[in-house]
Amino acid sequence: MQFRTMRRSRQLLSHEESEEVLKRGSHGILACLGDGDYPYAVPLNYVYYDGKIFLHSAKEGHKVDAILHHPKVSFTVVDEDTIIGKEYTSYFRSVIVFGKASLAEGRAWKDAFLAMADKYCASQPIAERIEKVETCSQALIIVIEIEHCTGKEAVEYVRAKTDTALSC
């Protein structure tokens, strides 16, 4: 499939900048095709690991059913969203990923689950995080194989980068 190019290319984040947004984000919105072919979008914790998006999930439910029936999904992370009322705008930075979702298994399940525990539970001892992952039997890990990724930021951020580069 040919994905669209971004209309405002000046605001396009580089691949590296988009990856940084995915690495530092705390949550994202998974969008998939749900019951009755209605869009289903749900906020989730995630980890960007090994060039893929990994999500934690219960073993059954709307999200799992949707992915098993229609694996094409999108996932959005908003890194920055500052409302600037006097300008009638917001200064934002976000990334949208398109890909196919499936259930992770075996080593990929364990590694991704541990990466997620490391991201969200870093204050807990590593041995405890490993034990929690190894003894968990109630969770699925969903993996999104990224086919296309687009990052965009407010034009004000683009201008600020340009002004900084010019002043050096």
Protein backbone atom coordinates (compact mmCIF):
# COMPACT_ATOMS: atom_id res chain seq x y z
CA MET A 1 0.00 0.00 0.00
CA GLN A 2 1.12 3.52 -0.74
CA PHE A 3 0.70 5.71 2.35
CA ARG A 4 -0.10 9.39 1.92
CA THR A 5 2.63 11.97 2.20
CA MET A 6 2.11 14.64 4.77
CA ARG A 7 0.58 17.81 3.35
CA ARG A 8 2.61 20.21 5.51
CA SER A 9 6.00 18.65 4.93
CA ARG A 10 7.83 21.49 6.64
CA GLN A 11 6.35 20.27 9.93
CA LEU A 12 7.40 16.66 9.34
CA LEU A 13 9.55 15.15 12.08
CA SER A 14 12.58 13.15 11.02
CA HIS A 15 12.56 9.40 11.58
CA GLU A 16 14.89 9.89 14.56
CA GLU A 17 12.67 12.60 16.09
CA SER A 18 9.60 10.38 15.61
CA GLU A 19 11.37 7.50 17.34
CA GLU A 20 12.23 9.76 20.28
CA VAL A 21 8.56 10.70 20.64
CA LEU A 22 7.63 7.00 20.63
CA LYS A 23 10.31 6.22 23.22
CA ARG A 24 9.32 8.93 25.69
CA GLY A 25 5.51 8.78 25.38
CA SER A 26 3.57 7.46 28.36
CA HIS A 27 0.49 6.34 26.46
CA GLY A 28 -1.02 6.23 23.01
CA ILE A 29 -4.34 5.65 21.26
CA LEU A 30 -4.83 2.39 19.37
CA ALA A 31 -7.37 2.66 16.55
CA CYS A 32 -8.77 -0.43 14.90
CA LEU A 33 -11.89 -1.68 13.17
CA GLY A 34 -14.29 -2.85 15.84
CA ASP A 35 -17.74 -4.40 16.07
CA GLY A 36 -20.02 -3.67 13.13
CA ASP A 37 -17.06 -2.08 11.32
CA TYR A 38 -17.21 0.92 13.65
CA PRO A 39 -13.86 2.51 14.49
CA TYR A 40 -12.64 1.53 17.94
CA ALA A 41 -10.00 3.73 19.55
CA VAL A 42 -8.67 3.03 23.01
CA PRO A 43 -5.95 4.72 25.12
CA LEU A 44 -3.23 2.33 26.24
CA ASN A 45 0.16 2.15 27.89
CA TYR A 46 2.79 0.87 25.48
CA VAL A 47 6.46 0.43 24.92
CA TYR A 48 8.44 1.18 21.77
CA TYR A 49 10.97 -1.62 21.70
CA ASP A 50 13.02 -3.26 18.96
CA GLY A 51 11.43 -0.98 16.33
CA LYS A 52 7.90 -2.09 17.21
CA ILE A 53 5.02 -0.99 19.43
CA PHE A 54 4.02 -3.42 22.18
CA LEU A 55 0.77 -3.21 24.14
CA HIS A 56 -0.37 -5.02 27.28
CA SER A 57 -3.83 -6.56 27.14
CA ALA A 58 -6.26 -8.87 28.88
CA LYS A 59 -6.74 -12.17 27.10
CA GLU A 60 -10.16 -11.25 25.75
CA GLY A 61 -12.24 -8.22 24.95
CA HIS A 62 -13.16 -5.75 22.24
CA LYS A 63 -9.56 -4.81 21.40
CA VAL A 64 -8.37 -8.41 21.03
CA ASP A 65 -11.41 -9.41 18.97
CA ALA A 66 -10.93 -6.40 16.67
CA ILE A 67 -7.24 -7.14 16.10
CA LEU A 68 -7.84 -10.83 15.42
CA HIS A 69 -10.48 -9.95 12.81
CA HIS A 70 -8.79 -6.90 11.26
CA PRO A 71 -5.06 -6.64 12.03
CA LYS A 72 -4.51 -3.27 10.29
CA VAL A 73 -4.30 -0.59 12.99
CA SER A 74 -3.00 2.86 13.70
CA PHE A 75 -1.43 4.07 16.92
CA THR A 76 -1.03 7.71 17.91
CA VAL A 77 1.24 9.24 20.54
CA VAL A 78 0.89 12.91 21.52
CA ASP A 79 4.19 14.12 22.92
CA GLU A 80 3.34 17.76 23.41
CA ASP A 81 0.10 19.73 23.42
CA THR A 82 0.30 23.20 24.85
CA ILE A 83 -2.80 25.32 24.37
CA ILE A 84 -1.99 28.91 23.38
CA GLY A 85 -5.33 30.66 23.82
CA LYS A 86 -4.24 34.11 22.69
CA GLU A 87 -3.09 32.59 19.37
CA TYR A 88 -6.15 30.31 18.99
CA THR A 89 -3.92 27.29 18.56
CA SER A 90 -1.89 24.65 20.30
CA TYR A 91 1.79 23.87 20.04
CA PHE A 92 1.94 20.12 19.49
CA ARG A 93 4.18 17.23 18.57
CA SER A 94 2.76 13.82 17.72
CA VAL A 95 3.43 10.59 15.85
CA ILE A 96 1.04 8.29 14.00
CA VAL A 97 2.07 4.72 13.27
CA PHE A 98 0.33 2.42 10.80
CA GLY A 99 0.92 -1.30 10.89
CA LYS A 100 -0.39 -4.77 11.47
CA ALA A 101 -1.10 -6.00 14.97
CA SER A 102 -0.77 -9.55 16.19
CA LEU A 103 -0.23 -11.45 19.41
CA ALA A 104 3.38 -11.72 20.57
CA GLU A 105 4.49 -15.14 21.72
CA GLY A 106 7.47 -16.86 23.30
CA ARG A 107 10.65 -14.84 23.69
CA ALA A 108 9.12 -11.75 22.03
CA TRP A 109 6.26 -11.81 24.60
CA LYS A 110 8.67 -12.06 27.51
CA ASP A 111 11.16 -9.46 26.24
CA ALA A 112 8.44 -6.94 25.39
CA PHE A 113 6.63 -7.51 28.69
CA LEU A 114 9.89 -6.95 30.60
CA ALA A 115 10.60 -3.79 28.53
CA MET A 116 7.14 -2.55 29.49
CA ALA A 117 7.76 -3.34 33.17
CA ASP A 118 11.11 -1.53 32.93
CA LYS A 119 9.38 1.54 31.43
CA TYR A 120 6.49 1.79 33.88
CA CYS A 121 7.87 0.13 37.03
CA ALA A 122 11.54 1.17 37.01
CA SER A 123 11.28 2.12 40.68
CA GLN A 124 10.73 -1.55 41.56
CA PRO A 125 13.68 -3.95 41.95
CA ILE A 126 14.66 -5.67 38.69
CA ALA A 127 14.34 -9.12 40.27
CA GLU A 128 10.75 -8.31 41.22
CA ARG A 129 9.94 -7.08 37.70
CA ILE A 130 11.38 -10.25 36.19
CA GLU A 131 9.39 -12.42 38.61
CA LYS A 132 6.14 -10.55 37.83
CA VAL A 133 6.66 -11.08 34.09
CA GLU A 134 7.64 -14.74 34.42
CA THR A 135 4.67 -15.60 36.64
CA CYS A 136 2.02 -13.66 34.71
CA SER A 137 -0.39 -15.94 32.91
CA GLN A 138 -3.32 -13.55 32.46
CA ALA A 139 -1.89 -11.06 29.97
CA LEU A 140 -1.40 -10.86 26.26
CA ILE A 141 1.20 -8.73 24.58
CA ILE A 142 0.11 -7.26 21.27
CA VAL A 143 2.81 -6.26 18.80
CA ILE A 144 2.39 -3.69 16.06
CA GLU A 145 4.78 -4.24 13.17
CA ILE A 146 5.27 -0.71 11.87
CA GLU A 147 4.68 -0.24 8.14
CA HIS A 148 4.55 3.57 8.11
CA CYS A 149 5.31 6.26 10.67
CA THR A 150 4.72 9.99 10.45
CA GLY A 151 5.62 12.60 13.03
CA LYS A 152 4.47 16.18 12.95
CA GLU A 153 5.03 19.26 15.08
CA ALA A 154 3.57 22.74 15.30
CA VAL A 155 5.01 25.25 12.88
CA GLU A 156 6.08 27.32 15.90
CA TYR A 157 8.48 24.53 16.91
CA VAL A 158 9.83 24.40 13.36
CA ARG A 159 10.43 28.16 13.47
CA ALA A 160 12.15 27.88 16.85
CA LYS A 161 14.54 25.22 15.48
CA THR A 162 15.29 27.40 12.47
CA ASP A 163 15.90 30.48 14.65
CA THR A 164 18.23 28.47 16.91
CA ALA A 165 20.16 27.09 13.93
CA LEU A 166 20.53 30.57 12.42
CA SER A 167 21.84 32.06 15.65
CA CYS A 168 24.66 29.52 15.98
